[in-house]
N, C-alpha and C. Protein backbone atom coordinates (compact mmCIF):
# COMPACT_ATOMS: atom_id res chain seq x y z
N UNK A 1 57.86 -23.88 6.12
CA UNK A 1 58.93 -23.85 5.15
C UNK A 1 59.56 -25.24 4.94
N UNK A 2 59.92 -26.00 6.00
CA UNK A 2 60.50 -27.33 5.78
C UNK A 2 59.54 -28.27 5.06
N UNK A 3 58.24 -28.12 5.32
CA UNK A 3 57.26 -28.99 4.65
C UNK A 3 57.24 -28.71 3.16
N UNK A 4 57.41 -27.47 2.78
CA UNK A 4 57.42 -27.10 1.36
C UNK A 4 58.64 -27.70 0.67
N UNK A 5 59.80 -27.61 1.30
CA UNK A 5 61.00 -28.19 0.71
C UNK A 5 60.89 -29.71 0.60
N UNK A 6 60.32 -30.33 1.62
CA UNK A 6 60.15 -31.79 1.62
C UNK A 6 59.22 -32.21 0.49
N UNK A 7 58.12 -31.51 0.30
CA UNK A 7 57.19 -31.87 -0.76
C UNK A 7 57.79 -31.63 -2.14
N UNK A 8 58.64 -30.64 -2.28
CA UNK A 8 59.31 -30.39 -3.58
C UNK A 8 60.28 -31.53 -3.89
N UNK A 9 60.97 -32.03 -2.86
CA UNK A 9 61.91 -33.12 -3.07
C UNK A 9 61.18 -34.39 -3.46
N UNK A 10 60.03 -34.67 -2.86
CA UNK A 10 59.25 -35.84 -3.22
C UNK A 10 58.77 -35.75 -4.66
N UNK A 11 58.33 -34.58 -5.07
CA UNK A 11 57.88 -34.40 -6.45
C UNK A 11 59.00 -34.63 -7.44
N UNK A 12 60.18 -34.16 -7.13
CA UNK A 12 61.32 -34.35 -8.02
C UNK A 12 61.73 -35.82 -8.08
N UNK A 13 61.70 -36.49 -6.93
CA UNK A 13 62.09 -37.89 -6.89
C UNK A 13 61.12 -38.77 -7.67
N UNK A 14 59.86 -38.40 -7.72
CA UNK A 14 58.88 -39.20 -8.42
C UNK A 14 59.00 -39.04 -9.94
N UNK A 15 59.58 -37.96 -10.41
CA UNK A 15 59.72 -37.76 -11.85
C UNK A 15 60.83 -38.63 -12.45
N UNK A 16 61.84 -38.94 -11.69
CA UNK A 16 62.98 -39.68 -12.22
C UNK A 16 62.66 -41.10 -12.70
N UNK A 17 61.94 -41.95 -11.96
CA UNK A 17 61.71 -43.32 -12.42
C UNK A 17 60.92 -43.40 -13.73
N UNK A 18 60.19 -42.36 -14.07
CA UNK A 18 59.40 -42.39 -15.30
C UNK A 18 60.29 -42.38 -16.54
N UNK A 19 61.52 -41.92 -16.40
CA UNK A 19 62.45 -41.88 -17.53
C UNK A 19 63.01 -43.27 -17.76
N UNK A 20 62.41 -43.99 -18.69
CA UNK A 20 62.89 -45.34 -18.96
C UNK A 20 62.95 -45.52 -20.46
N UNK A 21 64.04 -45.96 -20.94
CA UNK A 21 64.21 -46.17 -22.37
C UNK A 21 65.19 -47.29 -22.60
N UNK A 22 66.09 -47.09 -23.54
CA UNK A 22 67.08 -48.13 -23.86
C UNK A 22 68.00 -48.41 -22.68
N UNK A 23 68.32 -47.38 -21.92
CA UNK A 23 69.23 -47.57 -20.78
C UNK A 23 68.58 -48.48 -19.75
N UNK A 24 67.32 -48.23 -19.43
CA UNK A 24 66.63 -49.05 -18.45
C UNK A 24 66.50 -50.49 -18.89
N UNK A 25 66.20 -50.70 -20.17
CA UNK A 25 66.07 -52.06 -20.69
C UNK A 25 67.41 -52.78 -20.68
N UNK A 26 68.47 -52.05 -21.02
CA UNK A 26 69.81 -52.64 -21.02
C UNK A 26 70.23 -53.02 -19.61
N UNK A 27 69.93 -52.16 -18.66
CA UNK A 27 70.27 -52.45 -17.26
C UNK A 27 69.54 -53.72 -16.81
N UNK A 28 68.26 -53.86 -17.18
CA UNK A 28 67.50 -55.06 -16.82
C UNK A 28 68.10 -56.30 -17.46
N UNK A 29 68.49 -56.22 -18.72
CA UNK A 29 69.09 -57.37 -19.41
C UNK A 29 70.39 -57.79 -18.74
N UNK A 30 71.22 -56.81 -18.42
CA UNK A 30 72.51 -57.10 -17.78
C UNK A 30 72.28 -57.70 -16.40
N UNK A 31 71.34 -57.14 -15.65
CA UNK A 31 71.04 -57.66 -14.32
C UNK A 31 70.52 -59.09 -14.37
N UNK A 32 69.63 -59.37 -15.33
CA UNK A 32 69.08 -60.72 -15.46
C UNK A 32 70.17 -61.72 -15.84
N UNK A 33 71.04 -61.33 -16.77
CA UNK A 33 72.11 -62.23 -17.20
C UNK A 33 73.09 -62.49 -16.05
N UNK A 34 73.40 -61.45 -15.29
CA UNK A 34 74.29 -61.60 -14.14
C UNK A 34 73.68 -62.56 -13.12
N UNK A 35 72.39 -62.39 -12.85
CA UNK A 35 71.71 -63.27 -11.90
C UNK A 35 71.69 -64.70 -12.40
N UNK A 36 71.42 -64.89 -13.69
CA UNK A 36 71.38 -66.23 -14.26
C UNK A 36 72.74 -66.92 -14.14
N UNK A 37 73.80 -66.24 -14.50
CA UNK A 37 75.14 -66.83 -14.45
C UNK A 37 75.55 -67.14 -13.01
N UNK A 38 75.24 -66.23 -12.08
CA UNK A 38 75.65 -66.47 -10.70
C UNK A 38 74.88 -67.63 -10.07
N UNK A 39 73.58 -67.74 -10.36
CA UNK A 39 72.80 -68.85 -9.80
C UNK A 39 73.23 -70.17 -10.43
N UNK A 40 73.52 -70.17 -11.73
CA UNK A 40 74.00 -71.41 -12.38
C UNK A 40 75.34 -71.84 -11.81
N UNK A 41 76.22 -70.88 -11.55
CA UNK A 41 77.52 -71.19 -10.98
C UNK A 41 77.37 -71.75 -9.57
N UNK A 42 76.54 -71.12 -8.77
CA UNK A 42 76.31 -71.60 -7.40
C UNK A 42 75.67 -72.98 -7.42
N UNK A 43 74.73 -73.21 -8.34
CA UNK A 43 74.08 -74.52 -8.44
C UNK A 43 75.07 -75.61 -8.83
N UNK A 44 75.96 -75.28 -9.75
CA UNK A 44 76.95 -76.26 -10.19
C UNK A 44 77.89 -76.65 -9.05
N UNK A 45 78.16 -75.72 -8.16
CA UNK A 45 79.07 -75.99 -7.05
C UNK A 45 78.35 -76.71 -5.91
N UNK A 46 77.17 -76.26 -5.55
CA UNK A 46 76.46 -76.76 -4.37
C UNK A 46 75.64 -78.00 -4.67
N UNK A 47 74.92 -78.00 -5.77
CA UNK A 47 73.98 -79.08 -6.08
C UNK A 47 74.53 -80.03 -7.13
N UNK A 48 73.88 -81.17 -7.25
CA UNK A 48 74.30 -82.19 -8.20
C UNK A 48 73.64 -81.94 -9.56
N UNK A 49 74.41 -82.10 -10.62
CA UNK A 49 73.88 -81.94 -11.97
C UNK A 49 73.33 -83.29 -12.44
N UNK A 50 72.12 -83.27 -13.01
CA UNK A 50 71.48 -84.49 -13.51
C UNK A 50 71.92 -84.66 -14.96
N UNK A 51 72.85 -85.59 -15.22
CA UNK A 51 73.47 -85.72 -16.53
C UNK A 51 72.59 -86.41 -17.57
N UNK A 52 71.70 -87.29 -17.17
CA UNK A 52 70.94 -88.07 -18.15
C UNK A 52 69.58 -87.45 -18.51
N UNK A 53 69.20 -86.36 -17.88
CA UNK A 53 67.92 -85.72 -18.17
C UNK A 53 68.12 -84.24 -18.46
N UNK A 54 67.15 -83.66 -19.21
CA UNK A 54 67.13 -82.23 -19.49
C UNK A 54 65.75 -81.69 -19.15
N UNK A 55 65.64 -80.37 -19.09
CA UNK A 55 64.38 -79.72 -18.78
C UNK A 55 63.43 -79.72 -19.97
N UNK A 56 62.24 -79.15 -19.79
CA UNK A 56 61.23 -79.12 -20.85
C UNK A 56 61.70 -78.46 -22.15
N UNK A 57 62.55 -77.45 -22.06
CA UNK A 57 63.09 -76.80 -23.26
C UNK A 57 64.60 -77.03 -23.40
N UNK A 58 65.10 -78.11 -22.84
CA UNK A 58 66.51 -78.46 -22.99
C UNK A 58 67.44 -77.86 -21.95
N UNK A 59 66.90 -77.38 -20.84
CA UNK A 59 67.72 -76.76 -19.80
C UNK A 59 68.50 -77.82 -19.02
N UNK A 60 69.59 -77.37 -18.42
CA UNK A 60 70.37 -78.23 -17.53
C UNK A 60 69.59 -78.40 -16.23
N UNK A 61 69.50 -79.63 -15.75
CA UNK A 61 68.75 -79.93 -14.53
C UNK A 61 69.72 -80.15 -13.37
N UNK A 62 69.37 -79.58 -12.22
CA UNK A 62 70.14 -79.74 -11.00
C UNK A 62 69.25 -80.41 -9.96
N UNK A 63 69.88 -81.11 -9.00
CA UNK A 63 69.16 -81.75 -7.91
C UNK A 63 69.68 -81.15 -6.61
N UNK A 64 68.75 -80.56 -5.82
CA UNK A 64 69.19 -79.94 -4.57
C UNK A 64 69.27 -80.96 -3.44
N UNK A 65 69.60 -80.50 -2.25
CA UNK A 65 69.80 -81.41 -1.11
C UNK A 65 68.52 -82.12 -0.69
N UNK A 66 67.36 -81.58 -1.08
CA UNK A 66 66.07 -82.21 -0.76
C UNK A 66 65.59 -83.12 -1.88
N UNK A 67 66.46 -83.45 -2.82
CA UNK A 67 66.15 -84.29 -3.99
C UNK A 67 65.04 -83.70 -4.86
N UNK A 68 65.02 -82.39 -4.97
CA UNK A 68 64.07 -81.71 -5.87
C UNK A 68 64.82 -81.30 -7.14
N UNK A 69 64.16 -81.44 -8.27
CA UNK A 69 64.75 -81.13 -9.57
C UNK A 69 64.40 -79.70 -9.95
N UNK A 70 65.39 -78.98 -10.50
CA UNK A 70 65.13 -77.61 -10.95
C UNK A 70 66.09 -77.23 -12.06
N UNK A 71 65.71 -76.17 -12.78
CA UNK A 71 66.60 -75.53 -13.74
C UNK A 71 66.60 -74.04 -13.45
N UNK A 72 67.55 -73.32 -14.02
CA UNK A 72 67.65 -71.87 -13.80
C UNK A 72 67.14 -71.19 -15.06
N UNK A 73 66.15 -70.29 -14.90
CA UNK A 73 65.59 -69.60 -16.07
C UNK A 73 66.44 -68.39 -16.44
N UNK A 74 66.02 -67.65 -17.45
CA UNK A 74 66.81 -66.54 -17.97
C UNK A 74 66.85 -65.35 -17.03
N UNK A 75 66.03 -65.33 -16.00
CA UNK A 75 66.06 -64.24 -15.02
C UNK A 75 66.80 -64.63 -13.75
N UNK A 76 67.39 -65.83 -13.73
CA UNK A 76 68.17 -66.27 -12.59
C UNK A 76 67.35 -66.90 -11.48
N UNK A 77 66.13 -67.30 -11.78
CA UNK A 77 65.27 -67.93 -10.79
C UNK A 77 65.33 -69.45 -10.94
N UNK A 78 65.28 -70.15 -9.82
CA UNK A 78 65.22 -71.61 -9.84
C UNK A 78 63.77 -72.01 -10.11
N UNK A 79 63.56 -72.81 -11.15
CA UNK A 79 62.23 -73.29 -11.50
C UNK A 79 62.21 -74.78 -11.21
N UNK A 80 61.42 -75.17 -10.21
CA UNK A 80 61.34 -76.57 -9.81
C UNK A 80 60.38 -77.31 -10.73
N UNK A 81 60.77 -78.52 -11.13
CA UNK A 81 59.96 -79.34 -12.02
C UNK A 81 59.85 -80.75 -11.44
N UNK A 82 58.77 -81.41 -11.82
CA UNK A 82 58.61 -82.79 -11.38
C UNK A 82 59.44 -83.71 -12.26
N UNK A 83 59.73 -84.88 -11.76
CA UNK A 83 60.54 -85.83 -12.52
C UNK A 83 59.81 -86.25 -13.79
N UNK A 84 58.48 -86.23 -13.77
CA UNK A 84 57.68 -86.63 -14.94
C UNK A 84 57.85 -85.65 -16.11
N UNK A 85 58.15 -84.38 -15.82
CA UNK A 85 58.31 -83.38 -16.88
C UNK A 85 59.70 -83.38 -17.52
N UNK A 86 60.64 -84.12 -16.94
CA UNK A 86 61.99 -84.16 -17.47
C UNK A 86 62.06 -85.05 -18.71
N UNK A 87 62.96 -84.71 -19.61
CA UNK A 87 63.15 -85.49 -20.85
C UNK A 87 64.51 -86.16 -20.82
N UNK A 88 64.60 -87.26 -21.55
CA UNK A 88 65.91 -87.93 -21.68
C UNK A 88 66.83 -87.07 -22.52
N UNK A 89 68.10 -87.05 -22.12
CA UNK A 89 69.09 -86.30 -22.87
C UNK A 89 69.42 -87.04 -24.16
N UNK A 90 69.44 -86.35 -25.31
CA UNK A 90 69.75 -87.04 -26.56
C UNK A 90 71.17 -87.60 -26.55
N UNK A 91 71.33 -88.75 -27.15
CA UNK A 91 72.64 -89.39 -27.22
C UNK A 91 73.52 -88.65 -28.22
N UNK A 92 74.79 -88.51 -27.88
CA UNK A 92 75.74 -87.85 -28.79
C UNK A 92 76.10 -88.81 -29.89
N UNK A 93 76.23 -88.29 -31.09
CA UNK A 93 76.59 -89.13 -32.24
C UNK A 93 78.04 -89.04 -32.57
């Protein structure tokens, strides 16, 4: 009897994740944006901002304690880049 109840609960639990629609996509977008903002905030506080260079697509570049260059992508991940891939920041007019 307990095995039957346990197997019924597993079957029910497996049906729930399949329900994905606008709510699931919205939750992912909100989670990604939250991660991006929190990592950028932590980077601005902990690491040095490289003012004269930008990333390959114009991202803000940070320098960590090991002198490695990185930017934060839209999912909140640090993407490390070589100094050769950095571009000069355009001059303000």
